[in-house]
């Protein structure tokens, strides 16, 4: 299991597009609220 910081580093490494990173943060927050 990755820590949040490790996952964020991988996200930024493989997705340099800021819009995709923003989308990932939105999805993360949505999943937190549903859980």
PDB file of N, CA and C in Angstrom:
ATOM      1  N   UNK A   1       0.842  -1.173   0.000  1.00  0.00           N
ATOM      2  CA  UNK A   1       0.000   0.000   0.000  1.00  0.00           C
ATOM      3  C   UNK A   1       0.891   1.241   0.000  1.00  0.00           C
ATOM      4  N   UNK A   2       0.547   2.193  -0.838  1.00  0.00           N
ATOM      5  CA  UNK A   2       1.299   3.438  -0.923  1.00  0.00           C
ATOM      6  C   UNK A   2       0.799   4.434   0.118  1.00  0.00           C
ATOM      7  N   UNK A   3       1.704   5.292   0.568  1.00  0.00           N
ATOM      8  CA  UNK A   3       1.263   6.436   1.362  1.00  0.00           C
ATOM      9  C   UNK A   3       0.690   7.462   0.388  1.00  0.00           C
ATOM     10  N   UNK A   4      -0.011   8.438   0.909  1.00  0.00           N
ATOM     11  CA  UNK A   4      -0.579   9.469   0.038  1.00  0.00           C
ATOM     12  C   UNK A   4       0.530  10.233  -0.677  1.00  0.00           C
ATOM     13  N   UNK A   5       1.624  10.511   0.023  1.00  0.00           N
ATOM     14  CA  UNK A   5       2.741  11.241  -0.587  1.00  0.00           C
ATOM     15  C   UNK A   5       3.384  10.452  -1.725  1.00  0.00           C
ATOM     16  N   UNK A   6       3.532   9.144  -1.534  1.00  0.00           N
ATOM     17  CA  UNK A   6       4.096   8.296  -2.592  1.00  0.00           C
ATOM     18  C   UNK A   6       3.166   8.254  -3.803  1.00  0.00           C
ATOM     19  N   UNK A   7       1.875   8.141  -3.539  1.00  0.00           N
ATOM     20  CA  UNK A   7       0.899   8.111  -4.629  1.00  0.00           C
ATOM     21  C   UNK A   7       0.889   9.435  -5.386  1.00  0.00           C
ATOM     22  N   UNK A   8       0.998  10.533  -4.660  1.00  0.00           N
ATOM     23  CA  UNK A   8       1.024  11.845  -5.301  1.00  0.00           C
ATOM     24  C   UNK A   8       2.269  12.005  -6.168  1.00  0.00           C
ATOM     25  N   UNK A   9       3.404  11.510  -5.700  1.00  0.00           N
ATOM     26  CA  UNK A   9       4.640  11.577  -6.486  1.00  0.00           C
ATOM     27  C   UNK A   9       4.503  10.778  -7.783  1.00  0.00           C
ATOM     28  N   UNK A  10       3.901   9.589  -7.696  1.00  0.00           N
ATOM     29  CA  UNK A  10       3.678   8.786  -8.905  1.00  0.00           C
ATOM     30  C   UNK A  10       2.706   9.479  -9.857  1.00  0.00           C
ATOM     31  N   UNK A  11       1.664  10.058  -9.306  1.00  0.00           N
ATOM     32  CA  UNK A  11       0.688  10.777 -10.123  1.00  0.00           C
ATOM     33  C   UNK A  11       1.371  11.882 -10.919  1.00  0.00           C
ATOM     34  N   UNK A  12       2.194  12.669 -10.255  1.00  0.00           N
ATOM     35  CA  UNK A  12       2.865  13.787 -10.920  1.00  0.00           C
ATOM     36  C   UNK A  12       3.954  13.311 -11.882  1.00  0.00           C
ATOM     37  N   UNK A  13       4.555  12.173 -11.589  1.00  0.00           N
ATOM     38  CA  UNK A  13       5.594  11.632 -12.472  1.00  0.00           C
ATOM     39  C   UNK A  13       5.006  11.186 -13.805  1.00  0.00           C
ATOM     40  N   UNK A  14       3.878  10.488 -13.755  1.00  0.00           N
ATOM     41  CA  UNK A  14       3.301   9.903 -14.961  1.00  0.00           C
ATOM     42  C   UNK A  14       2.189  10.732 -15.585  1.00  0.00           C
ATOM     43  N   UNK A  15       1.728  11.777 -14.921  1.00  0.00           N
ATOM     44  CA  UNK A  15       0.684  12.657 -15.450  1.00  0.00           C
ATOM     45  C   UNK A  15       1.115  14.107 -15.299  1.00  0.00           C
ATOM     46  N   UNK A  16       1.917  14.611 -16.220  1.00  0.00           N
ATOM     47  CA  UNK A  16       2.389  15.991 -16.099  1.00  0.00           C
ATOM     48  C   UNK A  16       1.308  17.043 -16.369  1.00  0.00           C
ATOM     49  N   UNK A  17       0.164  16.621 -16.885  1.00  0.00           N
ATOM     50  CA  UNK A  17      -0.918  17.538 -17.211  1.00  0.00           C
ATOM     51  C   UNK A  17      -1.613  17.994 -15.926  1.00  0.00           C
ATOM     52  N   UNK A  18      -1.615  19.300 -15.686  1.00  0.00           N
ATOM     53  CA  UNK A  18      -2.213  19.852 -14.462  1.00  0.00           C
ATOM     54  C   UNK A  18      -3.709  19.563 -14.366  1.00  0.00           C
ATOM     55  N   UNK A  19      -4.392  19.523 -15.492  1.00  0.00           N
ATOM     56  CA  UNK A  19      -5.832  19.247 -15.475  1.00  0.00           C
ATOM     57  C   UNK A  19      -6.106  17.831 -14.975  1.00  0.00           C
ATOM     58  N   UNK A  20      -5.275  16.880 -15.366  1.00  0.00           N
ATOM     59  CA  UNK A  20      -5.456  15.502 -14.905  1.00  0.00           C
ATOM     60  C   UNK A  20      -5.146  15.373 -13.418  1.00  0.00           C
ATOM     61  N   UNK A  21      -4.161  16.116 -12.961  1.00  0.00           N
ATOM     62  CA  UNK A  21      -3.820  16.091 -11.538  1.00  0.00           C
ATOM     63  C   UNK A  21      -4.969  16.689 -10.728  1.00  0.00           C
ATOM     64  N   UNK A  22      -5.516  17.794 -11.197  1.00  0.00           N
ATOM     65  CA  UNK A  22      -6.660  18.413 -10.521  1.00  0.00           C
ATOM     66  C   UNK A  22      -7.842  17.440 -10.481  1.00  0.00           C
ATOM     67  N   UNK A  23      -8.079  16.762 -11.597  1.00  0.00           N
ATOM     68  CA  UNK A  23      -9.167  15.782 -11.655  1.00  0.00           C
ATOM     69  C   UNK A  23      -8.939  14.673 -10.625  1.00  0.00           C
ATOM     70  N   UNK A  24      -7.706  14.207 -10.506  1.00  0.00           N
ATOM     71  CA  UNK A  24      -7.393  13.148  -9.539  1.00  0.00           C
ATOM     72  C   UNK A  24      -7.684  13.616  -8.116  1.00  0.00           C
ATOM     73  N   UNK A  25      -7.355  14.866  -7.807  1.00  0.00           N
ATOM     74  CA  UNK A  25      -7.645  15.392  -6.470  1.00  0.00           C
ATOM     75  C   UNK A  25      -9.155  15.474  -6.231  1.00  0.00           C
ATOM     76  N   UNK A  26      -9.906  15.846  -7.255  1.00  0.00           N
ATOM     77  CA  UNK A  26     -11.366  15.907  -7.128  1.00  0.00           C
ATOM     78  C   UNK A  26     -11.948  14.519  -6.890  1.00  0.00           C
ATOM     79  N   UNK A  27     -11.447  13.533  -7.615  1.00  0.00           N
ATOM     80  CA  UNK A  27     -11.913  12.159  -7.432  1.00  0.00           C
ATOM     81  C   UNK A  27     -11.556  11.675  -6.032  1.00  0.00           C
ATOM     82  N   UNK A  28     -10.345  11.996  -5.575  1.00  0.00           N
ATOM     83  CA  UNK A  28      -9.925  11.597  -4.226  1.00  0.00           C
ATOM     84  C   UNK A  28     -10.882  12.155  -3.172  1.00  0.00           C
ATOM     85  N   UNK A  29     -11.200  13.425  -3.279  1.00  0.00           N
ATOM     86  CA  UNK A  29     -12.089  14.049  -2.293  1.00  0.00           C
ATOM     87  C   UNK A  29     -13.491  13.448  -2.355  1.00  0.00           C
ATOM     88  N   UNK A  30     -13.970  13.171  -3.551  1.00  0.00           N
ATOM     89  CA  UNK A  30     -15.283  12.544  -3.699  1.00  0.00           C
ATOM     90  C   UNK A  30     -15.312  11.175  -3.034  1.00  0.00           C
ATOM     91  N   UNK A  31     -14.275  10.387  -3.260  1.00  0.00           N
ATOM     92  CA  UNK A  31     -14.210   9.046  -2.655  1.00  0.00           C
ATOM     93  C   UNK A  31     -14.130   9.131  -1.130  1.00  0.00           C
ATOM     94  N   UNK A  32     -13.421  10.126  -0.618  1.00  0.00           N
ATOM     95  CA  UNK A  32     -13.351  10.304   0.841  1.00  0.00           C
ATOM     96  C   UNK A  32     -14.737  10.597   1.418  1.00  0.00           C
ATOM     97  N   UNK A  33     -15.500  11.423   0.723  1.00  0.00           N
ATOM     98  CA  UNK A  33     -16.830  11.784   1.222  1.00  0.00           C
ATOM     99  C   UNK A  33     -17.806  10.612   1.158  1.00  0.00           C
ATOM    100  N   UNK A  34     -17.665   9.758   0.151  1.00  0.00           N
ATOM    101  CA  UNK A  34     -18.540   8.593   0.036  1.00  0.00           C
ATOM    102  C   UNK A  34     -18.193   7.504   1.039  1.00  0.00           C
ATOM    103  N   UNK A  35     -16.944   7.469   1.491  1.00  0.00           N
ATOM    104  CA  UNK A  35     -16.537   6.383   2.401  1.00  0.00           C
ATOM    105  C   UNK A  35     -16.929   6.659   3.838  1.00  0.00           C
TER     106      UNK A  35
END
